[in-house]
Amino acid sequence: MSELIPGSAALGMTNWQCIDLMESAEDTLGAITSSLSYLLHQESQKAKPDTALITEWEALDDEVFTLGNTGLLGADVETYQRVISTYRQRRKELREVVDRYRAAQKRIS
């Protein structure tokens, strides 16, 4: 039987556990992409957009896009776990920024 994720058999992971791990990584990266889309749009709509912030967010968006589309091909369990732990924190940080932008929008409306 072939492994869904290299190294998973040695760890005794079932196919369902592998799928859960892959989906968790995809969900985390997808949430970051969604937040970045919102933030990039909102910041670019300002009278004086913060171009440094936009550049930073665009770089993260490119990084996440690449990782989600080609960076995890053939990745092992440890890589998936590292991606999840690293980007889950980034997702949380971005979510807080999204919440601040939305709160500011409500005050303006």
Protein backbone atom coordinates (compact mmCIF):
# COMPACT_ATOMS: atom_id res chain seq x y z
CA MET A 1 0.00 0.00 0.00
CA SER A 2 1.40 3.38 -0.96
CA GLU A 3 1.68 6.30 1.41
CA LEU A 4 -0.37 9.42 0.85
CA ILE A 5 2.34 11.44 2.57
CA PRO A 6 5.96 10.27 2.61
CA GLY A 7 6.91 9.04 6.07
CA SER A 8 3.34 8.58 7.25
CA ALA A 9 3.51 4.78 7.38
CA ALA A 10 6.53 4.89 9.68
CA LEU A 11 4.47 7.05 12.03
CA GLY A 12 1.53 4.62 11.85
CA MET A 13 -0.74 7.20 10.23
CA THR A 14 -3.87 6.03 8.47
CA ASN A 15 -4.93 7.41 5.11
CA TRP A 16 -7.64 9.40 6.90
CA GLN A 17 -5.07 10.98 9.19
CA CYS A 18 -2.99 11.90 6.15
CA ILE A 19 -6.01 13.44 4.47
CA ASP A 20 -6.82 15.40 7.63
CA LEU A 21 -3.24 16.69 7.73
CA MET A 22 -3.32 17.74 4.07
CA GLU A 23 -6.72 19.40 4.46
CA SER A 24 -5.58 21.26 7.56
CA ALA A 25 -2.64 22.70 5.62
CA GLU A 26 -4.89 23.63 2.68
CA ASP A 27 -7.47 25.24 4.98
CA THR A 28 -4.80 27.25 6.77
CA LEU A 29 -3.29 28.52 3.52
CA GLY A 30 -6.75 29.21 2.08
CA ALA A 31 -7.72 31.30 5.10
CA ILE A 32 -4.55 33.35 4.70
CA THR A 33 -5.31 33.92 1.01
CA SER A 34 -8.84 35.03 1.85
CA SER A 35 -7.66 37.46 4.52
CA LEU A 36 -4.96 38.85 2.27
CA SER A 37 -7.42 39.41 -0.57
CA TYR A 38 -9.65 41.40 1.74
CA LEU A 39 -6.79 43.37 3.28
CA LEU A 40 -5.13 44.18 -0.04
CA HIS A 41 -8.42 45.46 -1.41
CA GLN A 42 -9.20 47.54 1.67
CA GLU A 43 -5.74 49.06 1.91
CA SER A 44 -5.62 49.90 -1.79
CA GLN A 45 -8.92 51.76 -1.47
CA LYS A 46 -7.54 54.21 1.09
CA ALA A 47 -6.78 57.77 0.05
CA LYS A 48 -3.16 57.14 1.04
CA PRO A 49 -2.49 53.41 0.90
CA ASP A 50 0.44 52.05 2.86
CA THR A 51 2.54 50.79 -0.05
CA ALA A 52 5.05 49.05 2.23
CA LEU A 53 2.24 47.10 3.87
CA ILE A 54 0.75 46.23 0.49
CA THR A 55 4.15 45.02 -0.71
CA GLU A 56 4.54 42.88 2.43
CA TRP A 57 1.07 41.37 2.01
CA GLU A 58 1.61 40.71 -1.70
CA ALA A 59 4.86 38.89 -0.90
CA LEU A 60 3.08 36.73 1.67
CA ASP A 61 0.29 36.08 -0.81
CA ASP A 62 2.82 34.95 -3.43
CA GLU A 63 4.54 32.74 -0.85
CA VAL A 64 1.26 31.11 0.21
CA PHE A 65 0.15 30.69 -3.41
CA THR A 66 3.39 28.95 -4.34
CA LEU A 67 3.34 26.78 -1.26
CA GLY A 68 -0.28 25.78 -1.78
CA ASN A 69 0.12 25.02 -5.46
CA THR A 70 3.54 23.42 -5.75
CA GLY A 71 5.42 23.68 -2.47
CA LEU A 72 3.73 20.75 -0.79
CA LEU A 73 4.01 18.32 -3.68
CA GLY A 74 5.81 15.31 -2.28
CA ALA A 75 6.13 16.92 1.15
CA ASP A 76 6.60 14.67 4.14
CA VAL A 77 4.62 14.64 7.39
CA GLU A 78 7.10 16.91 9.16
CA THR A 79 6.83 19.52 6.39
CA TYR A 80 3.03 19.50 6.57
CA GLN A 81 3.15 19.88 10.34
CA ARG A 82 5.67 22.72 10.09
CA VAL A 83 3.57 24.52 7.47
CA ILE A 84 0.48 24.19 9.64
CA SER A 85 2.15 25.46 12.79
CA THR A 86 3.94 28.32 11.03
CA TYR A 87 1.07 29.53 8.90
CA ARG A 88 -1.63 28.95 11.50
CA GLN A 89 0.05 31.70 13.53
CA ARG A 90 0.19 33.97 10.46
CA ARG A 91 -3.50 33.22 9.81
CA LYS A 92 -4.36 34.28 13.37
CA GLU A 93 -2.35 37.49 13.07
CA LEU A 94 -3.99 38.38 9.76
CA ARG A 95 -7.44 37.60 11.16
CA GLU A 96 -6.85 40.17 13.88
CA VAL A 97 -5.90 42.74 11.25
CA VAL A 98 -9.02 41.90 9.23
CA ASP A 99 -11.14 42.40 12.36
CA ARG A 100 -9.55 45.82 12.94
CA TYR A 101 -10.19 46.86 9.33
CA ARG A 102 -13.82 45.73 9.57
CA ALA A 103 -14.32 47.57 12.84
CA ALA A 104 -12.89 50.71 11.26
CA GLN A 105 -15.23 50.28 8.29
CA LYS A 106 -18.24 50.05 10.60
CA ARG A 107 -17.22 53.28 12.34
CA ILE A 108 -17.00 55.03 8.96
CA SER A 109 -20.36 53.72 7.72
